Amino acid sequence: MVNPSDMSDIKFLTIAEVAAVMRVSKMTVYRLVHSGELPAVRVGRSFRVTEDDVNDYLRKSFFNAG
């Protein structure tokens, strides 16, 4: 859980920025957000995702092939 006093240290990314980092489409990011796999904050009609949450999601998604 995020401590309110640490909010200034958090870097929020737009859906487009998350898509660029992950090299997927914006629709893929929206699906992850709506399914709850990727936590997000709703700001008006748009979403923001913390950089840490993106990194955690990617770290947990790695698997060994072969």
Protein backbone atom coordinates (compact mmCIF):
# COMPACT_ATOMS: atom_id res chain seq x y z
CA MET A 1 0.00 0.00 0.00
CA VAL A 2 1.20 3.50 -0.82
CA ASN A 3 1.99 5.83 2.07
CA PRO A 4 0.43 9.27 1.38
CA SER A 5 3.58 11.05 2.55
CA ASP A 6 5.58 9.29 -0.20
CA MET A 7 3.27 10.35 -3.06
CA SER A 8 5.73 12.94 -4.41
CA ASP A 9 8.24 10.16 -5.15
CA ILE A 10 5.82 8.18 -7.31
CA LYS A 11 6.11 8.48 -11.09
CA PHE A 12 2.75 8.05 -12.81
CA LEU A 13 2.59 6.96 -16.44
CA THR A 14 -0.21 7.37 -18.96
CA ILE A 15 -1.65 4.34 -20.73
CA ALA A 16 0.28 5.36 -23.86
CA GLU A 17 3.54 5.56 -21.90
CA VAL A 18 2.92 2.14 -20.33
CA ALA A 19 2.21 0.70 -23.78
CA ALA A 20 5.49 2.16 -25.08
CA VAL A 21 7.49 0.74 -22.15
CA MET A 22 5.91 -2.70 -22.53
CA ARG A 23 5.95 -2.47 -26.36
CA VAL A 24 2.29 -3.47 -26.64
CA SER A 25 -0.82 -1.67 -27.83
CA LYS A 26 -2.79 0.73 -25.64
CA MET A 27 -5.73 -1.69 -25.84
CA THR A 28 -3.59 -4.41 -24.24
CA VAL A 29 -2.78 -2.06 -21.36
CA TYR A 30 -6.47 -1.15 -20.96
CA ARG A 31 -7.32 -4.87 -20.81
CA LEU A 32 -4.70 -5.41 -18.08
CA VAL A 33 -6.05 -2.47 -16.10
CA HIS A 34 -9.71 -3.47 -16.44
CA SER A 35 -8.97 -7.10 -15.52
CA GLY A 36 -7.13 -5.96 -12.38
CA GLU A 37 -3.80 -7.47 -13.44
CA LEU A 38 -2.21 -4.02 -13.58
CA PRO A 39 -3.21 -1.59 -10.80
CA ALA A 40 -4.17 1.90 -11.94
CA VAL A 41 -5.56 5.15 -10.61
CA ARG A 42 -8.45 6.79 -12.41
CA VAL A 43 -8.00 10.54 -12.94
CA GLY A 44 -11.12 11.96 -14.52
CA ARG A 45 -11.72 9.86 -17.62
CA SER A 46 -8.16 8.59 -17.93
CA PHE A 47 -5.95 6.17 -16.04
CA ARG A 48 -2.49 6.50 -14.56
CA VAL A 49 -0.23 3.59 -13.65
CA THR A 50 2.76 3.87 -11.35
CA GLU A 51 6.13 3.03 -12.84
CA ASP A 52 6.72 0.61 -9.94
CA ASP A 53 3.51 -1.30 -10.76
CA VAL A 54 4.59 -1.63 -14.40
CA ASN A 55 8.00 -2.94 -13.33
CA ASP A 56 6.42 -5.37 -10.84
CA TYR A 57 4.02 -6.67 -13.50
CA LEU A 58 6.86 -7.24 -15.97
CA ARG A 59 9.06 -8.89 -13.33
CA LYS A 60 6.26 -11.32 -12.39
CA SER A 61 5.51 -12.08 -16.05
CA PHE A 62 8.92 -13.53 -16.90
CA PHE A 63 9.05 -17.26 -17.55
CA ASN A 64 11.69 -19.70 -18.69
CA ALA A 65 11.13 -21.04 -22.19
CA GLY A 66 12.60 -24.36 -23.25
